[in-house]
C-alpha atoms as a PDB file:
ATOM      1  CA  MET A   1       9.545  -3.533 -43.857  1.00  0.00           C
ATOM      2  CA  THR A   2      11.746  -6.374 -44.239  1.00  0.00           C
ATOM      3  CA  HIS A   3      12.250  -6.770 -40.434  1.00  0.00           C
ATOM      4  CA  SER A   4       8.333  -5.837 -40.166  1.00  0.00           C
ATOM      5  CA  PHE A   5       7.830  -9.176 -42.368  1.00  0.00           C
ATOM      6  CA  PHE A   6      10.315 -11.540 -40.433  1.00  0.00           C
ATOM      7  CA  ALA A   7       8.828 -10.253 -37.101  1.00  0.00           C
ATOM      8  CA  THR A   8       5.294 -11.022 -38.308  1.00  0.00           C
ATOM      9  CA  LEU A   9       6.627 -14.317 -39.797  1.00  0.00           C
ATOM     10  CA  LEU A  10       8.294 -15.013 -36.191  1.00  0.00           C
ATOM     11  CA  SER A  11       5.375 -13.841 -34.061  1.00  0.00           C
ATOM     12  CA  ARG A  12       2.798 -16.476 -36.003  1.00  0.00           C
ATOM     13  CA  SER A  13       5.178 -19.425 -36.043  1.00  0.00           C
ATOM     14  CA  VAL A  14       6.122 -18.931 -32.486  1.00  0.00           C
ATOM     15  CA  ALA A  15       2.023 -18.967 -31.509  1.00  0.00           C
ATOM     16  CA  SER A  16       1.563 -21.806 -33.468  1.00  0.00           C
ATOM     17  CA  GLY A  17       4.006 -23.961 -32.235  1.00  0.00           C
ATOM     18  CA  GLU A  18       5.805 -27.408 -33.506  1.00  0.00           C
ATOM     19  CA  SER A  19       1.977 -27.822 -35.293  1.00  0.00           C
ATOM     20  CA  ALA A  20       2.181 -25.429 -37.842  1.00  0.00           C
ATOM     21  CA  GLY A  21       4.216 -26.055 -41.130  1.00  0.00           C
ATOM     22  CA  ILE A  22       5.255 -27.413 -44.402  1.00  0.00           C
ATOM     23  CA  HIS A  23       5.487 -30.469 -46.123  1.00  0.00           C
ATOM     24  CA  PHE A  24       8.332 -31.091 -48.498  1.00  0.00           C
ATOM     25  CA  PHE A  25       8.422 -33.690 -51.185  1.00  0.00           C
ATOM     26  CA  ASP A  26      11.702 -36.282 -50.733  1.00  0.00           C
ATOM     27  CA  ARG A  27      12.068 -37.620 -54.026  1.00  0.00           C
ATOM     28  CA  ALA A  28      14.709 -39.568 -52.895  1.00  0.00           C
ATOM     29  CA  ASN A  29      11.968 -41.652 -50.297  1.00  0.00           C
ATOM     30  CA  GLU A  30       9.155 -40.533 -52.264  1.00  0.00           C
ATOM     31  CA  THR A  31       7.408 -39.591 -49.139  1.00  0.00           C
ATOM     32  CA  PHE A  32       6.567 -35.937 -47.841  1.00  0.00           C
ATOM     33  CA  ARG A  33       8.723 -34.573 -44.847  1.00  0.00           C
ATOM     34  CA  PHE A  34       7.153 -31.715 -42.653  1.00  0.00           C
ATOM     35  CA  VAL A  35       8.756 -28.993 -41.604  1.00  0.00           C
ATOM     36  CA  SER A  36       7.743 -26.218 -38.658  1.00  0.00           C
ATOM     37  CA  TYR A  37       7.634 -22.814 -39.425  1.00  0.00           C
ATOM     38  CA  GLN A  38       9.553 -23.054 -36.415  1.00  0.00           C
ATOM     39  CA  GLN A  39      12.384 -24.897 -37.904  1.00  0.00           C
ATOM     40  CA  LEU A  40      11.653 -23.063 -41.008  1.00  0.00           C
ATOM     41  CA  LEU A  41      12.484 -19.733 -39.450  1.00  0.00           C
ATOM     42  CA  ALA A  42      15.099 -21.021 -37.295  1.00  0.00           C
ATOM     43  CA  GLY A  43      17.064 -22.146 -40.642  1.00  0.00           C
ATOM     44  CA  ALA A  44      16.730 -18.811 -42.273  1.00  0.00           C
ATOM     45  CA  ASN A  45      18.488 -16.822 -39.453  1.00  0.00           C
ATOM     46  CA  ARG A  46      21.174 -18.951 -39.625  1.00  0.00           C
ATOM     47  CA  TRP A  47      21.072 -18.482 -43.313  1.00  0.00           C
ATOM     48  CA  GLY A  48      21.117 -15.127 -42.627  1.00  0.00           C
ATOM     49  CA  MET A  49      23.696 -14.373 -39.729  1.00  0.00           C
ATOM     50  CA  GLN A  50      25.941 -16.056 -42.385  1.00  0.00           C
ATOM     51  CA  LEU A  51      25.609 -13.121 -44.550  1.00  0.00           C
ATOM     52  CA  ARG A  52      25.992 -10.254 -41.560  1.00  0.00           C
ATOM     53  CA  LYS A  53      29.546 -12.531 -40.616  1.00  0.00           C
ATOM     54  CA  ARG A  54      31.009 -12.206 -44.311  1.00  0.00           C
ATOM     55  CA  ASP A  55      29.635  -8.335 -44.167  1.00  0.00           C
ATOM     56  CA  ALA A  56      27.943  -8.944 -47.355  1.00  0.00           C
ATOM     57  CA  ALA A  57      26.428  -5.565 -48.657  1.00  0.00           C
ATOM     58  CA  ARG A  58      22.532  -4.869 -48.798  1.00  0.00           C
ATOM     59  CA  ALA A  59      21.976  -6.283 -52.352  1.00  0.00           C
ATOM     60  CA  TYR A  60      20.681  -9.506 -54.311  1.00  0.00           C
ATOM     61  CA  THR A  61      21.432 -12.579 -53.232  1.00  0.00           C
ATOM     62  CA  LEU A  62      21.417 -15.358 -55.522  1.00  0.00           C
ATOM     63  CA  ILE A  63      19.809 -18.812 -54.600  1.00  0.00           C
ATOM     64  CA  ALA A  64      20.708 -22.374 -56.417  1.00  0.00           C
ATOM     65  CA  THR A  65      19.632 -25.258 -54.611  1.00  0.00           C
ATOM     66  CA  HIS A  66      18.289 -28.559 -55.042  1.00  0.00           C
ATOM     67  CA  ALA A  67      15.341 -28.640 -52.735  1.00  0.00           C
ATOM     68  CA  PRO A  68      12.634 -26.712 -51.869  1.00  0.00           C
ATOM     69  CA  PHE A  69      13.475 -26.824 -48.085  1.00  0.00           C
ATOM     70  CA  PRO A  70      17.059 -24.955 -48.367  1.00  0.00           C
ATOM     71  CA  THR A  71      15.789 -22.731 -51.384  1.00  0.00           C
ATOM     72  CA  LEU A  72      12.845 -21.740 -48.997  1.00  0.00           C
ATOM     73  CA  THR A  73      15.750 -21.097 -45.893  1.00  0.00           C
ATOM     74  CA  ALA A  74      17.761 -18.842 -47.772  1.00  0.00           C
ATOM     75  CA  PHE A  75      14.357 -17.194 -49.405  1.00  0.00           C
ATOM     76  CA  PHE A  76      13.341 -15.962 -46.098  1.00  0.00           C
ATOM     77  CA  GLY A  77      16.745 -15.248 -44.832  1.00  0.00           C
ATOM     78  CA  ALA A  78      17.482 -13.299 -47.553  1.00  0.00           C
ATOM     79  CA  ILE A  79      14.528 -10.996 -47.157  1.00  0.00           C
ATOM     80  CA  ALA A  80      15.512 -10.698 -43.069  1.00  0.00           C
ATOM     81  CA  HIS A  81      17.980  -9.478 -43.209  1.00  0.00           C
ATOM     82  CA  GLY A  82      17.408  -6.309 -45.871  1.00  0.00           C
ATOM     83  CA  HIS A  83      18.398  -8.613 -49.392  1.00  0.00           C
ATOM     84  CA  LEU A  84      16.810  -9.333 -52.635  1.00  0.00           C
ATOM     85  CA  PRO A  85      16.386 -12.602 -53.109  1.00  0.00           C
ATOM     86  CA  LEU A  86      16.995 -14.181 -56.854  1.00  0.00           C
ATOM     87  CA  ILE A  87      15.885 -17.720 -57.459  1.00  0.00           C
ATOM     88  CA  VAL A  88      16.843 -19.623 -60.178  1.00  0.00           C
ATOM     89  CA  ALA A  89      16.954 -22.850 -61.286  1.00  0.00           C
ATOM     90  CA  SER A  90      20.284 -25.024 -60.449  1.00  0.00           C
ATOM     91  CA  PRO A  91      22.332 -27.043 -62.784  1.00  0.00           C
ATOM     92  CA  ARG A  92      20.978 -30.537 -62.925  1.00  0.00           C
ATOM     93  CA  VAL A  93      24.573 -32.788 -62.278  1.00  0.00           C
END
């Protein structure tokens, strides 16, 4: 099921092109940053391939980041490669 989920997201992102995506709020600059679904899924695929390189068994993947874009990238990458993502609040530094 995870492969069909990721395949559906990928096919929809290709069909919509660079015009469809998500806006992330950049707290440092107090502006919104646009990221297309294609960019998001490409990042998710790169992240997921790192799991494969490390020969990680299909299991839970703990995600703790300070920003929304890396969080979503890791989340979709984990799902695409058969892992169960667990998002936790990252510690404040």
